[in-house]
Amino acid sequence: MDMIAVMSFNLRMDTEKDGTNSWPFRREAVVAVIKKYSPDILGIQEGLPHQVAYLEEFLPEYQRVGRGRDVDGGEHVALYLKKATLEIIEHGDFWLSDTPDVPGSRHWGNNCVRMVTYARVRHCASGKELLAVNTHLDHESLNAREKGAVAIDRFVEEYGLPAVLTGDMNDTPDSSPISFFVGGNGLEGRTGSWINAAAGFPDGGKGTFHGYGRVEERQVIDYIFTTGELQASSYQVIEDRPDGVYVSDHYPIFARIEWKEN
């Protein structure tokens, strides 16, 4: 059966206030974890330009797509696509706003500019195509998260390909945006038909945000979703700490995704 490996990884932006957990102290550990699990599709969140460039330099086996969310750069929700297994057919970005083609646009109560990076790719071994989609929903506004979820679902439906969605959704599995994705409730007259890759696996209930180990009750806010043509054969919350280093304030998540047999 044809398979692709997928990782969603909130890198945590580089900020001096993180002290010994700031980017210069953990960037080598980040690369080590990515190389160990070797995803075909890697969706990152919170990547500032120098963080994105660092990964590009030390992960030459990947092709990066995606721009910063602001007019002049800012955080990325970049996709890194493994050159040996995936051919990029086209890629692009849009903003989660009333003007999705306008860089830096912000509506719906979004506290920060929020966007999506996507890539249409061909699986080299099988010739099958799929859409890789990556995002980071707002951390404060529920309305913005709901509208963002609907916008992503509508975009993927119109695109018409099997899809994998990675992201920090800033909401828990029982929330309205996540429930919408998996068909549990409707929003704006739509109901999603995504499958949560974590569903049914032992790590499915493990929290992903830990605040560098300071959060006692970790919450699940990072996800990998697939459309009906694709399904997860495994799912893991990656708790690796190379040399005792937290790679981020989130744990990366990793899934192996297969096309369903006809």
C-alpha atoms as a PDB file:
ATOM      1  CA  MET A   1       0.000   0.000   0.000  1.00  0.00           C
ATOM      2  CA  ASP A   2       1.270   3.502  -0.881  1.00  0.00           C
ATOM      3  CA  MET A   3       2.294   5.487   2.193  1.00  0.00           C
ATOM      4  CA  ILE A   4       3.539   8.958   3.108  1.00  0.00           C
ATOM      5  CA  ALA A   5       4.883  10.132   6.455  1.00  0.00           C
ATOM      6  CA  VAL A   6       3.545  13.430   7.800  1.00  0.00           C
ATOM      7  CA  MET A   7       4.690  15.661  10.660  1.00  0.00           C
ATOM      8  CA  SER A   8       3.152  18.796  12.154  1.00  0.00           C
ATOM      9  CA  PHE A   9       5.608  20.827  14.212  1.00  0.00           C
ATOM     10  CA  ASN A  10       5.038  24.150  15.959  1.00  0.00           C
ATOM     11  CA  LEU A  11       8.643  25.328  16.177  1.00  0.00           C
ATOM     12  CA  ARG A  12       7.949  28.081  18.725  1.00  0.00           C
ATOM     13  CA  MET A  13       9.135  31.421  17.407  1.00  0.00           C
ATOM     14  CA  ASP A  14      12.578  32.594  18.407  1.00  0.00           C
ATOM     15  CA  THR A  15      12.285  34.932  21.395  1.00  0.00           C
ATOM     16  CA  GLU A  16      14.897  35.868  23.987  1.00  0.00           C
ATOM     17  CA  LYS A  17      12.324  35.643  26.776  1.00  0.00           C
ATOM     18  CA  ASP A  18      12.481  31.840  26.472  1.00  0.00           C
ATOM     19  CA  GLY A  19      15.993  31.970  27.916  1.00  0.00           C
ATOM     20  CA  THR A  20      17.772  28.642  27.561  1.00  0.00           C
ATOM     21  CA  ASN A  21      14.757  27.323  25.625  1.00  0.00           C
ATOM     22  CA  SER A  22      15.162  29.949  22.907  1.00  0.00           C
ATOM     23  CA  TRP A  23      15.903  28.897  19.343  1.00  0.00           C
ATOM     24  CA  PRO A  24      19.738  28.943  19.377  1.00  0.00           C
ATOM     25  CA  PHE A  25      19.735  26.398  22.211  1.00  0.00           C
ATOM     26  CA  ARG A  26      17.389  23.931  20.529  1.00  0.00           C
ATOM     27  CA  ARG A  27      17.738  24.343  16.783  1.00  0.00           C
ATOM     28  CA  GLU A  28      20.147  21.410  16.430  1.00  0.00           C
ATOM     29  CA  ALA A  29      17.739  19.207  18.384  1.00  0.00           C
ATOM     30  CA  VAL A  30      14.906  20.298  16.082  1.00  0.00           C
ATOM     31  CA  VAL A  31      16.859  19.180  13.023  1.00  0.00           C
ATOM     32  CA  ALA A  32      17.818  15.915  14.730  1.00  0.00           C
ATOM     33  CA  VAL A  33      14.184  15.036  15.437  1.00  0.00           C
ATOM     34  CA  ILE A  34      13.071  15.858  11.901  1.00  0.00           C
ATOM     35  CA  LYS A  35      15.874  13.756  10.433  1.00  0.00           C
ATOM     36  CA  LYS A  36      15.101  10.857  12.777  1.00  0.00           C
ATOM     37  CA  TYR A  37      11.444  10.631  11.742  1.00  0.00           C
ATOM     38  CA  SER A  38      12.086  11.742   8.153  1.00  0.00           C
ATOM     39  CA  PRO A  39       8.585  12.900   7.176  1.00  0.00           C
ATOM     40  CA  ASP A  40       7.705  13.262   3.519  1.00  0.00           C
ATOM     41  CA  ILE A  41       5.498  16.224   4.423  1.00  0.00           C
ATOM     42  CA  LEU A  42       6.513  18.557   7.246  1.00  0.00           C
ATOM     43  CA  GLY A  43       4.215  21.420   8.200  1.00  0.00           C
ATOM     44  CA  ILE A  44       5.764  23.934  10.591  1.00  0.00           C
ATOM     45  CA  GLN A  45       4.180  26.813  12.477  1.00  0.00           C
ATOM     46  CA  GLU A  46       5.658  29.990  14.012  1.00  0.00           C
ATOM     47  CA  GLY A  47       8.775  29.859  11.865  1.00  0.00           C
ATOM     48  CA  LEU A  48      10.430  33.261  11.676  1.00  0.00           C
ATOM     49  CA  PRO A  49      12.508  33.908   8.534  1.00  0.00           C
ATOM     50  CA  HIS A  50      15.840  32.924  10.119  1.00  0.00           C
ATOM     51  CA  GLN A  51      14.307  29.751  11.604  1.00  0.00           C
ATOM     52  CA  VAL A  52      12.844  28.751   8.260  1.00  0.00           C
ATOM     53  CA  ALA A  53      16.183  29.451   6.575  1.00  0.00           C
ATOM     54  CA  TYR A  54      18.061  27.377   9.165  1.00  0.00           C
ATOM     55  CA  LEU A  55      15.879  24.353   8.484  1.00  0.00           C
ATOM     56  CA  GLU A  56      16.304  24.862   4.763  1.00  0.00           C
ATOM     57  CA  GLU A  57      20.093  24.889   5.178  1.00  0.00           C
ATOM     58  CA  PHE A  58      20.323  21.826   7.402  1.00  0.00           C
ATOM     59  CA  LEU A  59      17.554  19.823   5.736  1.00  0.00           C
ATOM     60  CA  PRO A  60      18.716  19.911   2.105  1.00  0.00           C
ATOM     61  CA  GLU A  61      16.643  16.830   1.295  1.00  0.00           C
ATOM     62  CA  TYR A  62      13.533  19.025   1.481  1.00  0.00           C
ATOM     63  CA  GLN A  63      12.047  21.690  -0.758  1.00  0.00           C
ATOM     64  CA  ARG A  64      10.405  24.488   1.206  1.00  0.00           C
ATOM     65  CA  VAL A  65       7.311  26.373   0.056  1.00  0.00           C
ATOM     66  CA  GLY A  66       5.451  29.192   1.761  1.00  0.00           C
ATOM     67  CA  ARG A  67       5.987  32.850   2.582  1.00  0.00           C
ATOM     68  CA  GLY A  68       5.651  34.894   5.777  1.00  0.00           C
ATOM     69  CA  ARG A  69       2.227  35.950   6.962  1.00  0.00           C
ATOM     70  CA  ASP A  70       2.960  39.684   7.089  1.00  0.00           C
ATOM     71  CA  VAL A  71       3.530  42.046   4.180  1.00  0.00           C
ATOM     72  CA  ASP A  72       7.236  42.202   5.011  1.00  0.00           C
ATOM     73  CA  GLY A  73       7.800  38.648   6.249  1.00  0.00           C
ATOM     74  CA  GLY A  74       6.895  37.459   9.733  1.00  0.00           C
ATOM     75  CA  GLU A  75       5.973  33.986  10.893  1.00  0.00           C
ATOM     76  CA  HIS A  76       5.636  31.173   8.343  1.00  0.00           C
ATOM     77  CA  VAL A  77       3.412  28.129   8.137  1.00  0.00           C
ATOM     78  CA  ALA A  78       5.837  26.651   5.639  1.00  0.00           C
ATOM     79  CA  LEU A  79       5.722  23.190   4.129  1.00  0.00           C
ATOM     80  CA  TYR A  80       8.893  21.144   3.696  1.00  0.00           C
ATOM     81  CA  LEU A  81       8.444  18.449   1.066  1.00  0.00           C
ATOM     82  CA  LYS A  82      10.903  15.608   0.619  1.00  0.00           C
ATOM     83  CA  LYS A  83      12.466  15.824  -2.828  1.00  0.00           C
ATOM     84  CA  ALA A  84      13.020  12.079  -3.198  1.00  0.00           C
ATOM     85  CA  THR A  85       9.382  11.122  -2.663  1.00  0.00           C
ATOM     86  CA  LEU A  86       7.262  14.092  -3.734  1.00  0.00           C
ATOM     87  CA  GLU A  87       7.162  16.232  -6.860  1.00  0.00           C
ATOM     88  CA  ILE A  88       5.720  19.705  -6.370  1.00  0.00           C
ATOM     89  CA  ILE A  89       3.199  20.548  -9.083  1.00  0.00           C
ATOM     90  CA  GLU A  90       2.060  23.898  -7.724  1.00  0.00           C
ATOM     91  CA  HIS A  91       1.926  25.733  -4.434  1.00  0.00           C
ATOM     92  CA  GLY A  92       0.551  28.887  -2.917  1.00  0.00           C
ATOM     93  CA  ASP A  93      -0.652  30.774   0.118  1.00  0.00           C
ATOM     94  CA  PHE A  94      -3.850  32.469   1.221  1.00  0.00           C
ATOM     95  CA  TRP A  95      -4.886  34.471   4.237  1.00  0.00           C
ATOM     96  CA  LEU A  96      -7.672  33.590   6.640  1.00  0.00           C
ATOM     97  CA  SER A  97      -9.586  36.807   6.125  1.00  0.00           C
ATOM     98  CA  ASP A  98     -12.271  38.380   3.947  1.00  0.00           C
ATOM     99  CA  THR A  99      -9.494  39.187   1.453  1.00  0.00           C
ATOM    100  CA  PRO A 100      -7.584  35.891   1.219  1.00  0.00           C
ATOM    101  CA  ASP A 101      -5.308  37.077  -1.585  1.00  0.00           C
ATOM    102  CA  VAL A 102      -4.063  40.119   0.335  1.00  0.00           C
ATOM    103  CA  PRO A 103      -0.845  39.471   2.299  1.00  0.00           C
ATOM    104  CA  GLY A 104      -1.094  40.537   5.910  1.00  0.00           C
ATOM    105  CA  SER A 105      -4.891  40.839   5.874  1.00  0.00           C
ATOM    106  CA  ARG A 106      -6.668  40.179   9.154  1.00  0.00           C
ATOM    107  CA  HIS A 107     -10.403  39.944   9.907  1.00  0.00           C
ATOM    108  CA  TRP A 108     -12.890  37.885  11.949  1.00  0.00           C
ATOM    109  CA  GLY A 109     -11.321  38.902  15.261  1.00  0.00           C
ATOM    110  CA  ASN A 110      -7.960  37.309  14.505  1.00  0.00           C
ATOM    111  CA  ASN A 111      -5.466  38.503  17.110  1.00  0.00           C
ATOM    112  CA  CYS A 112      -2.625  37.896  14.650  1.00  0.00           C
ATOM    113  CA  VAL A 113      -2.449  37.577  10.898  1.00  0.00           C
ATOM    114  CA  ARG A 114      -3.344  33.972  10.054  1.00  0.00           C
ATOM    115  CA  MET A 115      -2.706  32.178   6.792  1.00  0.00           C
ATOM    116  CA  VAL A 116      -2.482  28.879   4.936  1.00  0.00           C
ATOM    117  CA  THR A 117       0.320  27.433   2.825  1.00  0.00           C
ATOM    118  CA  TYR A 118      -0.524  24.605   0.441  1.00  0.00           C
ATOM    119  CA  ALA A 119       1.158  22.443  -2.168  1.00  0.00           C
ATOM    120  CA  ARG A 120      -0.198  20.124  -4.804  1.00  0.00           C
ATOM    121  CA  VAL A 121       2.240  17.230  -4.994  1.00  0.00           C
ATOM    122  CA  ARG A 122       2.702  13.974  -6.859  1.00  0.00           C
ATOM    123  CA  HIS A 123       3.811  10.887  -4.948  1.00  0.00           C
ATOM    124  CA  CYS A 124       6.763   9.735  -7.047  1.00  0.00           C
ATOM    125  CA  ALA A 125       6.420   6.008  -6.351  1.00  0.00           C
ATOM    126  CA  SER A 126       2.726   5.743  -7.224  1.00  0.00           C
ATOM    127  CA  GLY A 127       2.038   8.770  -9.397  1.00  0.00           C
ATOM    128  CA  LYS A 128      -0.886   9.711  -7.158  1.00  0.00           C
ATOM    129  CA  GLU A 129      -1.555  13.353  -6.376  1.00  0.00           C
ATOM    130  CA  LEU A 130      -2.576  14.964  -3.122  1.00  0.00           C
ATOM    131  CA  LEU A 131      -2.881  18.374  -1.543  1.00  0.00           C
ATOM    132  CA  ALA A 132      -0.758  19.255   1.492  1.00  0.00           C
ATOM    133  CA  VAL A 133      -2.216  22.090   3.580  1.00  0.00           C
ATOM    134  CA  ASN A 134      -0.703  23.751   6.650  1.00  0.00           C
ATOM    135  CA  THR A 135      -2.035  26.426   9.002  1.00  0.00           C
ATOM    136  CA  HIS A 136      -1.991  28.014  12.457  1.00  0.00           C
ATOM    137  CA  LEU A 137      -5.392  29.164  13.713  1.00  0.00           C
ATOM    138  CA  ASP A 138      -5.844  32.093  16.065  1.00  0.00           C
ATOM    139  CA  HIS A 139      -5.081  31.623  19.752  1.00  0.00           C
ATOM    140  CA  GLU A 140      -7.725  34.041  21.082  1.00  0.00           C
ATOM    141  CA  SER A 141     -10.772  34.360  18.831  1.00  0.00           C
ATOM    142  CA  LEU A 142     -13.150  31.389  18.568  1.00  0.00           C
ATOM    143  CA  ASN A 143     -14.976  33.147  15.737  1.00  0.00           C
ATOM    144  CA  ALA A 144     -11.705  33.419  13.816  1.00  0.00           C
ATOM    145  CA  ARG A 145     -10.927  29.738  14.375  1.00  0.00           C
ATOM    146  CA  GLU A 146     -14.394  28.720  13.193  1.00  0.00           C
ATOM    147  CA  LYS A 147     -14.237  30.891  10.083  1.00  0.00           C
ATOM    148  CA  GLY A 148     -10.696  29.705   9.408  1.00  0.00           C
ATOM    149  CA  ALA A 149     -11.785  26.072   9.596  1.00  0.00           C
ATOM    150  CA  VAL A 150     -14.631  26.728   7.166  1.00  0.00           C
ATOM    151  CA  ALA A 151     -12.347  28.594   4.738  1.00  0.00           C
ATOM    152  CA  ILE A 152      -9.840  25.732   4.710  1.00  0.00           C
ATOM    153  CA  ASP A 153     -12.544  23.118   4.235  1.00  0.00           C
ATOM    154  CA  ARG A 154     -14.092  25.066   1.363  1.00  0.00           C
ATOM    155  CA  PHE A 155     -10.715  25.579  -0.333  1.00  0.00           C
ATOM    156  CA  VAL A 156      -9.859  21.878  -0.188  1.00  0.00           C
ATOM    157  CA  GLU A 157     -13.293  20.848  -1.449  1.00  0.00           C
ATOM    158  CA  GLU A 158     -12.969  23.189  -4.425  1.00  0.00           C
ATOM    159  CA  TYR A 159      -9.470  21.891  -5.138  1.00  0.00           C
ATOM    160  CA  GLY A 160     -10.827  18.372  -5.477  1.00  0.00           C
ATOM    161  CA  LEU A 161      -7.821  16.267  -4.427  1.00  0.00           C
ATOM    162  CA  PRO A 162      -7.207  13.958  -1.463  1.00  0.00           C
ATOM    163  CA  ALA A 163      -5.700  16.174   1.217  1.00  0.00           C
ATOM    164  CA  VAL A 164      -3.587  16.180   4.345  1.00  0.00           C
ATOM    165  CA  LEU A 165      -4.017  19.110   6.723  1.00  0.00           C
ATOM    166  CA  THR A 166      -1.415  19.875   9.385  1.00  0.00           C
ATOM    167  CA  GLY A 167      -1.573  22.602  11.957  1.00  0.00           C
ATOM    168  CA  ASP A 168      -1.676  24.135  15.374  1.00  0.00           C
ATOM    169  CA  MET A 169      -5.419  24.707  15.652  1.00  0.00           C
ATOM    170  CA  ASN A 170      -5.274  26.294  19.110  1.00  0.00           C
ATOM    171  CA  ASP A 171      -8.337  24.317  20.155  1.00  0.00           C
ATOM    172  CA  THR A 172      -9.195  20.994  21.752  1.00  0.00           C
ATOM    173  CA  PRO A 173     -10.937  18.000  20.153  1.00  0.00           C
ATOM    174  CA  ASP A 174     -14.300  18.887  21.730  1.00  0.00           C
ATOM    175  CA  SER A 175     -14.266  22.464  20.386  1.00  0.00           C
ATOM    176  CA  SER A 176     -16.538  23.661  17.595  1.00  0.00           C
ATOM    177  CA  PRO A 177     -13.756  24.124  14.970  1.00  0.00           C
ATOM    178  CA  ILE A 178     -12.291  20.652  15.506  1.00  0.00           C
ATOM    179  CA  SER A 179     -15.723  19.063  15.724  1.00  0.00           C
ATOM    180  CA  PHE A 180     -16.596  20.807  12.451  1.00  0.00           C
ATOM    181  CA  PHE A 181     -13.600  19.300  10.678  1.00  0.00           C
ATOM    182  CA  VAL A 182     -14.606  15.742  11.605  1.00  0.00           C
ATOM    183  CA  GLY A 183     -18.313  16.170  10.858  1.00  0.00           C
ATOM    184  CA  GLY A 184     -19.558  16.628  14.396  1.00  0.00           C
ATOM    185  CA  ASN A 185     -21.261  19.978  13.875  1.00  0.00           C
ATOM    186  CA  GLY A 186     -22.022  22.403  11.095  1.00  0.00           C
ATOM    187  CA  LEU A 187     -20.676  25.911  10.581  1.00  0.00           C
ATOM    188  CA  GLU A 188     -21.972  28.365   7.995  1.00  0.00           C
ATOM    189  CA  GLY A 189     -24.103  25.645   6.422  1.00  0.00           C
ATOM    190  CA  ARG A 190     -21.175  23.265   5.964  1.00  0.00           C
ATOM    191  CA  THR A 191     -19.990  20.132   7.701  1.00  0.00           C
ATOM    192  CA  GLY A 192     -16.440  18.867   7.334  1.00  0.00           C
ATOM    193  CA  SER A 193     -15.619  15.280   6.422  1.00  0.00           C
ATOM    194  CA  TRP A 194     -12.023  15.077   7.615  1.00  0.00           C
ATOM    195  CA  ILE A 195     -10.530  12.229   9.626  1.00  0.00           C
ATOM    196  CA  ASN A 196      -8.417  13.037  12.676  1.00  0.00           C
ATOM    197  CA  ALA A 197      -5.241  10.990  12.219  1.00  0.00           C
ATOM    198  CA  ALA A 198      -4.966  10.604  16.000  1.00  0.00           C
ATOM    199  CA  ALA A 199      -8.324   8.864  16.346  1.00  0.00           C
ATOM    200  CA  GLY A 200      -8.090   5.333  17.675  1.00  0.00           C
ATOM    201  CA  PHE A 201      -4.357   5.342  18.389  1.00  0.00           C
ATOM    202  CA  PRO A 202      -2.778   5.118  21.867  1.00  0.00           C
ATOM    203  CA  ASP A 203      -1.186   8.575  21.568  1.00  0.00           C
ATOM    204  CA  GLY A 204      -4.429  10.130  20.342  1.00  0.00           C
ATOM    205  CA  GLY A 205      -5.293  11.618  23.711  1.00  0.00           C
ATOM    206  CA  LYS A 206      -1.811  12.856  24.578  1.00  0.00           C
ATOM    207  CA  GLY A 207      -1.504  16.605  24.941  1.00  0.00           C
ATOM    208  CA  THR A 208       0.750  18.421  22.504  1.00  0.00           C
ATOM    209  CA  PHE A 209       1.315  21.790  24.201  1.00  0.00           C
ATOM    210  CA  HIS A 210       3.535  21.525  27.268  1.00  0.00           C
ATOM    211  CA  GLY A 211       5.213  24.926  27.640  1.00  0.00           C
ATOM    212  CA  TYR A 212       8.704  23.429  27.893  1.00  0.00           C
ATOM    213  CA  GLY A 213       7.464  20.953  30.466  1.00  0.00           C
ATOM    214  CA  ARG A 214       5.770  23.541  32.678  1.00  0.00           C
ATOM    215  CA  VAL A 215       2.157  22.717  31.787  1.00  0.00           C
ATOM    216  CA  GLU A 216       0.796  19.992  34.057  1.00  0.00           C
ATOM    217  CA  GLU A 217      -2.421  19.323  32.118  1.00  0.00           C
ATOM    218  CA  ARG A 218      -1.261  19.213  28.519  1.00  0.00           C
ATOM    219  CA  GLN A 219      -3.911  19.922  25.898  1.00  0.00           C
ATOM    220  CA  VAL A 220      -4.275  18.519  22.402  1.00  0.00           C
ATOM    221  CA  ILE A 221      -4.135  21.507  20.056  1.00  0.00           C
ATOM    222  CA  ASP A 222      -1.966  20.195  17.184  1.00  0.00           C
ATOM    223  CA  TYR A 223      -3.486  17.998  14.496  1.00  0.00           C
ATOM    224  CA  ILE A 224      -3.064  16.024  11.328  1.00  0.00           C
ATOM    225  CA  PHE A 225      -6.292  15.543   9.363  1.00  0.00           C
ATOM    226  CA  THR A 226      -6.939  13.622   6.166  1.00  0.00           C
ATOM    227  CA  THR A 227      -9.791  13.518   3.717  1.00  0.00           C
ATOM    228  CA  GLY A 228     -11.728  10.330   3.145  1.00  0.00           C
ATOM    229  CA  GLU A 229      -9.422   8.931   0.460  1.00  0.00           C
ATOM    230  CA  LEU A 230      -6.513   8.925   2.902  1.00  0.00           C
ATOM    231  CA  GLN A 231      -6.213   7.295   6.300  1.00  0.00           C
ATOM    232  CA  ALA A 232      -3.643   7.056   9.079  1.00  0.00           C
ATOM    233  CA  SER A 233      -2.002   3.702   9.757  1.00  0.00           C
ATOM    234  CA  SER A 234      -0.076   5.071  12.751  1.00  0.00           C
ATOM    235  CA  TYR A 235       0.040   8.200  14.901  1.00  0.00           C
ATOM    236  CA  GLN A 236       2.570   9.388  17.461  1.00  0.00           C
ATOM    237  CA  VAL A 237       3.174  12.356  19.743  1.00  0.00           C
ATOM    238  CA  ILE A 238       6.951  12.818  19.577  1.00  0.00           C
ATOM    239  CA  GLU A 239       8.332  13.399  23.065  1.00  0.00           C
ATOM    240  CA  ASP A 240      11.997  13.012  22.090  1.00  0.00           C
ATOM    241  CA  ARG A 241      14.436  15.322  23.903  1.00  0.00           C
ATOM    242  CA  PRO A 242      17.847  15.024  22.232  1.00  0.00           C
ATOM    243  CA  ASP A 243      20.504  15.598  24.891  1.00  0.00           C
ATOM    244  CA  GLY A 244      17.711  16.572  27.275  1.00  0.00           C
ATOM    245  CA  VAL A 245      16.608  19.522  25.128  1.00  0.00           C
ATOM    246  CA  TYR A 246      12.950  20.372  24.550  1.00  0.00           C
ATOM    247  CA  VAL A 247      12.640  20.930  20.803  1.00  0.00           C
ATOM    248  CA  SER A 248       9.736  23.355  21.293  1.00  0.00           C
ATOM    249  CA  ASP A 249       6.971  24.281  23.708  1.00  0.00           C
ATOM    250  CA  HIS A 250       4.836  21.893  21.625  1.00  0.00           C
ATOM    251  CA  TYR A 251       5.496  18.242  20.922  1.00  0.00           C
ATOM    252  CA  PRO A 252       5.632  17.479  17.189  1.00  0.00           C
ATOM    253  CA  ILE A 253       3.114  14.930  15.955  1.00  0.00           C
ATOM    254  CA  PHE A 254       3.755  12.267  13.330  1.00  0.00           C
ATOM    255  CA  ALA A 255       1.521   9.992  11.275  1.00  0.00           C
ATOM    256  CA  ARG A 256       1.889   7.493   8.479  1.00  0.00           C
ATOM    257  CA  ILE A 257      -0.832   8.064   5.910  1.00  0.00           C
ATOM    258  CA  GLU A 258      -2.040   5.585   3.309  1.00  0.00           C
ATOM    259  CA  TRP A 259      -4.416   5.691   0.390  1.00  0.00           C
ATOM    260  CA  LYS A 260      -7.409   3.494   1.063  1.00  0.00           C
ATOM    261  CA  GLU A 261      -7.564   0.396  -1.077  1.00  0.00           C
ATOM    262  CA  ASN A 262     -10.391   0.417  -3.604  1.00  0.00           C
END
